[in-house]
Amino acid sequence: MQNIINLGISVLDIIALIWFISIWIGYIIFSKNKCKKEKIGLIAEMDTIRREWGLELLKRDNRVMDSQLINGLIRKESFFASTTMLILASTLALMGVGDQAIPLFQNIPFAQTTTTVLWELKVLVLIVVFMFAFFKFTWSIRQHSYCATLLGSIGSPDESDDKKSILKAQQFADLSSLAANHFNNGLRAYYFALAELSWFFHPLAFIFASTWVVVILYRREYYSKAHDILANKLNK
């Protein structure tokens, strides 16, 4: 512990980083359990809609619209993946500008005094967050491309009662939901990256921002108007 303090990394910095990692992982586990076990939340509602989409596929002979929907999802994910690559390149450049950037923070009231080692640690954590987002986005792209192939293998409406066609429709819905979940995790990484930026000012701000992000995510996924519309609660 003394060696860490000598490097300019305080105990409060370590606590803030552990809190950041714990609350992020904890929210992912919490959200996954809510979706799978309790069937609650935006993700669960959208999973239900995708299963309905898969069954509707069996009734349509012309599936151009479905193909366009998948292509639209892939384009959206590709945009975020390419944007994340640009952010990663910019963040890597921050590693070498610590000596120029650190004096700027010393002139900000209440900002923490940062050493070069601590600066590099903060930038490294930011890089890891965006790397996580990139892998999530690209895996989502691949899974939706698999959905496109699976779409082409689903039988015609004349075979809609065939067990094989029904199974493929269910696989299509499940694979699309899996891709969407990975995309959601990538988006959450952006939220937590914003929270991590507050660490450059002070570890207490980092703790507060991480907690605030989880509150925002929780409210939007379980108590937003979008959730109420999908859950058909507005008119109840």
Protein backbone atom coordinates (compact mmCIF):
# COMPACT_ATOMS: atom_id res chain seq x y z
CA MET A 1 0.00 0.00 0.00
CA GLN A 2 2.87 2.36 0.82
CA ASN A 3 4.36 1.70 -2.62
CA ILE A 4 1.10 2.72 -4.24
CA ILE A 5 0.96 5.93 -2.21
CA ASN A 6 4.53 6.69 -3.27
CA LEU A 7 3.40 6.49 -6.89
CA GLY A 8 0.84 9.21 -6.19
CA ILE A 9 -2.17 6.86 -6.08
CA SER A 10 -4.14 7.49 -2.90
CA VAL A 11 -6.34 5.05 -1.01
CA LEU A 12 -9.36 7.11 -2.09
CA ASP A 13 -8.37 6.61 -5.75
CA ILE A 14 -8.26 2.86 -5.23
CA ILE A 15 -11.63 2.88 -3.46
CA ALA A 16 -13.17 4.96 -6.26
CA LEU A 17 -11.84 2.60 -8.94
CA ILE A 18 -13.08 -0.49 -7.08
CA TRP A 19 -16.48 1.16 -6.62
CA PHE A 20 -16.61 2.00 -10.34
CA ILE A 21 -15.85 -1.58 -11.40
CA SER A 22 -18.14 -3.13 -8.78
CA ILE A 23 -21.15 -0.95 -9.52
CA TRP A 24 -20.78 -1.49 -13.28
CA ILE A 25 -20.51 -5.28 -13.03
CA GLY A 26 -23.24 -5.31 -10.39
CA TYR A 27 -25.63 -3.41 -12.63
CA ILE A 28 -24.97 -5.77 -15.56
CA ILE A 29 -25.76 -8.78 -13.35
CA PHE A 30 -28.80 -7.05 -11.85
CA SER A 31 -30.16 -6.11 -15.28
CA LYS A 32 -29.60 -9.60 -16.66
CA ASN A 33 -31.45 -11.20 -13.73
CA LYS A 34 -34.33 -8.72 -14.05
CA CYS A 35 -34.65 -9.57 -17.73
CA LYS A 36 -34.33 -13.36 -17.56
CA LYS A 37 -36.01 -14.19 -14.25
CA GLU A 38 -38.54 -11.42 -13.66
CA LYS A 39 -39.14 -10.38 -17.31
CA ILE A 40 -39.05 -6.72 -16.30
CA GLY A 41 -37.52 -3.74 -18.06
CA LEU A 42 -37.02 -2.32 -21.52
CA ILE A 43 -34.77 -5.20 -22.55
CA ALA A 44 -37.34 -7.81 -21.51
CA GLU A 45 -40.14 -5.96 -23.32
CA MET A 46 -38.06 -5.72 -26.49
CA ASP A 47 -37.20 -9.43 -26.26
CA THR A 48 -40.93 -10.16 -26.28
CA ILE A 49 -41.42 -7.95 -29.34
CA ARG A 50 -38.58 -9.71 -31.16
CA ARG A 51 -40.19 -13.08 -30.51
CA GLU A 52 -43.40 -11.70 -32.00
CA TRP A 53 -41.36 -10.42 -34.95
CA GLY A 54 -39.95 -13.91 -35.49
CA LEU A 55 -43.45 -15.42 -35.59
CA GLU A 56 -44.68 -12.73 -37.98
CA LEU A 57 -41.86 -13.64 -40.35
CA LEU A 58 -43.53 -16.98 -40.93
CA LYS A 59 -46.64 -15.24 -42.31
CA ARG A 60 -44.81 -13.02 -44.84
CA ASP A 61 -43.59 -14.16 -48.20
CA ASN A 62 -41.90 -10.83 -48.97
CA ARG A 63 -39.31 -10.19 -46.27
CA VAL A 64 -37.58 -7.17 -47.77
CA MET A 65 -38.73 -5.00 -44.85
CA ASP A 66 -37.25 -7.45 -42.34
CA SER A 67 -33.96 -7.47 -44.23
CA GLN A 68 -33.90 -3.66 -44.21
CA LEU A 69 -34.53 -3.63 -40.47
CA ILE A 70 -31.54 -5.91 -39.88
CA ASN A 71 -29.37 -3.79 -42.18
CA GLY A 72 -30.44 -0.70 -40.25
CA LEU A 73 -29.40 -2.32 -36.98
CA ILE A 74 -26.03 -3.30 -38.44
CA ARG A 75 -25.44 0.24 -39.75
CA LYS A 76 -26.21 1.67 -36.32
CA GLU A 77 -23.81 -0.73 -34.63
CA SER A 78 -21.14 -0.09 -37.27
CA PHE A 79 -21.40 3.64 -36.62
CA PHE A 80 -20.78 3.16 -32.91
CA ALA A 81 -17.95 0.68 -33.55
CA SER A 82 -16.13 3.06 -35.91
CA THR A 83 -16.74 6.01 -33.56
CA THR A 84 -15.30 3.98 -30.68
CA MET A 85 -12.17 3.28 -32.72
CA LEU A 86 -11.68 7.02 -33.25
CA ILE A 87 -12.18 7.66 -29.54
CA LEU A 88 -9.67 4.92 -28.69
CA ALA A 89 -7.08 6.48 -30.98
CA SER A 90 -7.63 9.87 -29.34
CA THR A 91 -7.51 8.37 -25.85
CA LEU A 92 -4.23 6.60 -26.59
CA ALA A 93 -2.77 9.97 -27.52
CA LEU A 94 -3.61 11.22 -24.00
CA MET A 95 -0.98 8.86 -22.59
CA GLY A 96 1.79 11.10 -23.86
CA VAL A 97 0.39 14.49 -22.88
CA GLY A 98 0.25 14.03 -19.11
CA ASP A 99 3.09 16.48 -18.47
CA GLN A 100 1.20 19.19 -20.37
CA ALA A 101 -2.28 18.38 -19.03
CA ILE A 102 -1.50 17.93 -15.33
CA PRO A 103 -0.65 21.63 -14.70
CA LEU A 104 -4.03 22.61 -16.18
CA PHE A 105 -5.88 20.61 -13.52
CA GLN A 106 -3.83 22.22 -10.76
CA ASN A 107 -5.45 25.55 -11.61
CA ILE A 108 -8.98 24.15 -11.22
CA PRO A 109 -10.53 24.63 -7.74
CA PHE A 110 -11.07 21.40 -5.76
CA ALA A 111 -9.25 19.37 -8.43
CA GLN A 112 -7.01 16.58 -7.20
CA THR A 113 -3.24 16.88 -7.56
CA THR A 114 -2.35 14.25 -10.15
CA THR A 115 0.98 12.54 -10.72
CA THR A 116 2.11 11.16 -14.07
CA VAL A 117 1.51 7.57 -12.91
CA LEU A 118 -2.02 8.38 -11.72
CA TRP A 119 -2.73 10.25 -14.97
CA GLU A 120 -1.67 7.20 -16.99
CA LEU A 121 -3.82 4.94 -14.81
CA LYS A 122 -6.88 7.13 -15.42
CA VAL A 123 -6.28 7.15 -19.16
CA LEU A 124 -5.66 3.39 -19.16
CA VAL A 125 -9.00 2.75 -17.44
CA LEU A 126 -10.69 4.95 -20.04
CA ILE A 127 -9.02 2.95 -22.82
CA VAL A 128 -10.20 -0.34 -21.30
CA VAL A 129 -13.79 0.97 -21.08
CA PHE A 130 -13.83 1.91 -24.77
CA MET A 131 -12.15 -1.36 -25.76
CA PHE A 132 -14.96 -3.16 -23.94
CA ALA A 133 -17.50 -1.07 -25.87
CA PHE A 134 -15.77 -1.79 -29.20
CA PHE A 135 -15.81 -5.55 -28.69
CA LYS A 136 -19.48 -5.41 -27.68
CA PHE A 137 -20.45 -3.39 -30.76
CA THR A 138 -18.51 -5.59 -33.20
CA TRP A 139 -19.91 -8.79 -31.67
CA SER A 140 -23.37 -7.31 -32.01
CA ILE A 141 -22.68 -6.63 -35.70
CA ARG A 142 -21.65 -10.22 -36.27
CA GLN A 143 -24.70 -11.60 -34.51
CA HIS A 144 -27.07 -9.44 -36.53
CA SER A 145 -25.30 -10.53 -39.71
CA TYR A 146 -26.02 -14.10 -38.61
CA CYS A 147 -29.65 -13.04 -38.22
CA ALA A 148 -29.67 -11.95 -41.87
CA THR A 149 -28.46 -15.40 -42.94
CA LEU A 150 -30.97 -17.08 -40.66
CA LEU A 151 -33.72 -14.92 -42.16
CA GLY A 152 -32.93 -16.31 -45.61
CA SER A 153 -33.21 -19.89 -44.33
CA ILE A 154 -36.73 -19.51 -42.90
CA GLY A 155 -39.32 -21.29 -45.00
CA SER A 156 -42.18 -19.74 -46.96
CA PRO A 157 -45.62 -19.03 -45.42
CA ASP A 158 -46.79 -22.38 -46.78
CA GLU A 159 -44.39 -23.99 -44.33
CA SER A 160 -45.29 -21.76 -41.38
CA ASP A 161 -46.62 -24.70 -39.39
CA ASP A 162 -43.49 -26.70 -39.98
CA LYS A 163 -41.54 -27.31 -36.76
CA LYS A 164 -38.26 -26.49 -38.44
CA SER A 165 -39.51 -23.09 -39.62
CA ILE A 166 -40.92 -22.27 -36.17
CA LEU A 167 -37.61 -23.26 -34.56
CA LYS A 168 -35.67 -21.01 -36.97
CA ALA A 169 -38.03 -18.11 -36.25
CA GLN A 170 -37.40 -18.57 -32.53
CA GLN A 171 -33.65 -18.79 -33.14
CA PHE A 172 -33.86 -15.59 -35.18
CA ALA A 173 -35.61 -13.76 -32.32
CA ASP A 174 -33.22 -15.10 -29.66
CA LEU A 175 -30.13 -14.24 -31.72
CA SER A 176 -31.44 -10.74 -32.41
CA SER A 177 -32.11 -10.25 -28.69
CA LEU A 178 -28.61 -11.45 -27.86
CA ALA A 179 -27.13 -8.98 -30.35
CA ALA A 180 -29.25 -6.18 -28.87
CA ASN A 181 -28.06 -7.03 -25.36
CA HIS A 182 -24.43 -6.75 -26.44
CA PHE A 183 -25.21 -3.44 -28.11
CA ASN A 184 -26.85 -2.22 -24.89
CA ASN A 185 -23.75 -3.19 -22.92
CA GLY A 186 -21.66 -1.19 -25.38
CA LEU A 187 -23.89 1.84 -24.90
CA ARG A 188 -23.67 1.49 -21.13
CA ALA A 189 -19.89 1.59 -21.47
CA TYR A 190 -20.25 5.08 -22.96
CA TYR A 191 -22.25 6.18 -19.92
CA PHE A 192 -19.61 4.80 -17.56
CA ALA A 193 -16.84 6.38 -19.64
CA LEU A 194 -18.45 9.75 -18.98
CA ALA A 195 -18.45 8.92 -15.28
CA GLU A 196 -14.77 7.94 -15.45
CA LEU A 197 -13.89 11.37 -16.84
CA SER A 198 -14.82 12.87 -13.47
CA TRP A 199 -11.90 10.94 -11.94
CA PHE A 200 -9.54 13.38 -13.67
CA PHE A 201 -10.90 16.02 -11.26
CA HIS A 202 -11.34 14.11 -8.00
CA PRO A 203 -12.00 10.51 -6.82
CA LEU A 204 -15.05 11.63 -4.83
CA ALA A 205 -16.51 13.08 -8.02
CA PHE A 206 -15.73 9.73 -9.66
CA ILE A 207 -17.70 7.84 -7.01
CA PHE A 208 -20.63 10.22 -7.28
CA ALA A 209 -20.68 10.16 -11.10
CA SER A 210 -20.55 6.34 -11.21
CA THR A 211 -23.50 6.11 -8.83
CA TRP A 212 -25.39 8.80 -10.74
CA VAL A 213 -24.93 6.88 -14.03
CA VAL A 214 -26.41 3.72 -12.50
CA VAL A 215 -29.39 5.70 -11.20
CA ILE A 216 -29.95 7.18 -14.68
CA LEU A 217 -29.67 3.77 -16.37
CA TYR A 218 -32.01 2.17 -13.84
CA ARG A 219 -34.64 4.87 -14.23
CA ARG A 220 -34.54 4.77 -18.03
CA GLU A 221 -34.72 1.00 -18.25
CA TYR A 222 -37.42 0.44 -15.64
CA TYR A 223 -39.33 3.67 -14.99
CA SER A 224 -39.14 5.69 -18.20
CA LYS A 225 -42.06 6.57 -20.45
CA ALA A 226 -40.55 4.33 -23.14
CA HIS A 227 -40.80 1.37 -20.77
CA ASP A 228 -44.36 2.27 -19.81
CA ILE A 229 -45.37 2.43 -23.48
CA LEU A 230 -43.86 -0.96 -24.30
CA ALA A 231 -45.30 -2.49 -21.12
CA ASN A 232 -48.70 -0.91 -21.95
CA LYS A 233 -48.84 0.87 -18.58
CA LEU A 234 -49.74 4.39 -19.68
CA ASN A 235 -53.42 3.61 -20.09
CA LYS A 236 -53.72 1.46 -17.00
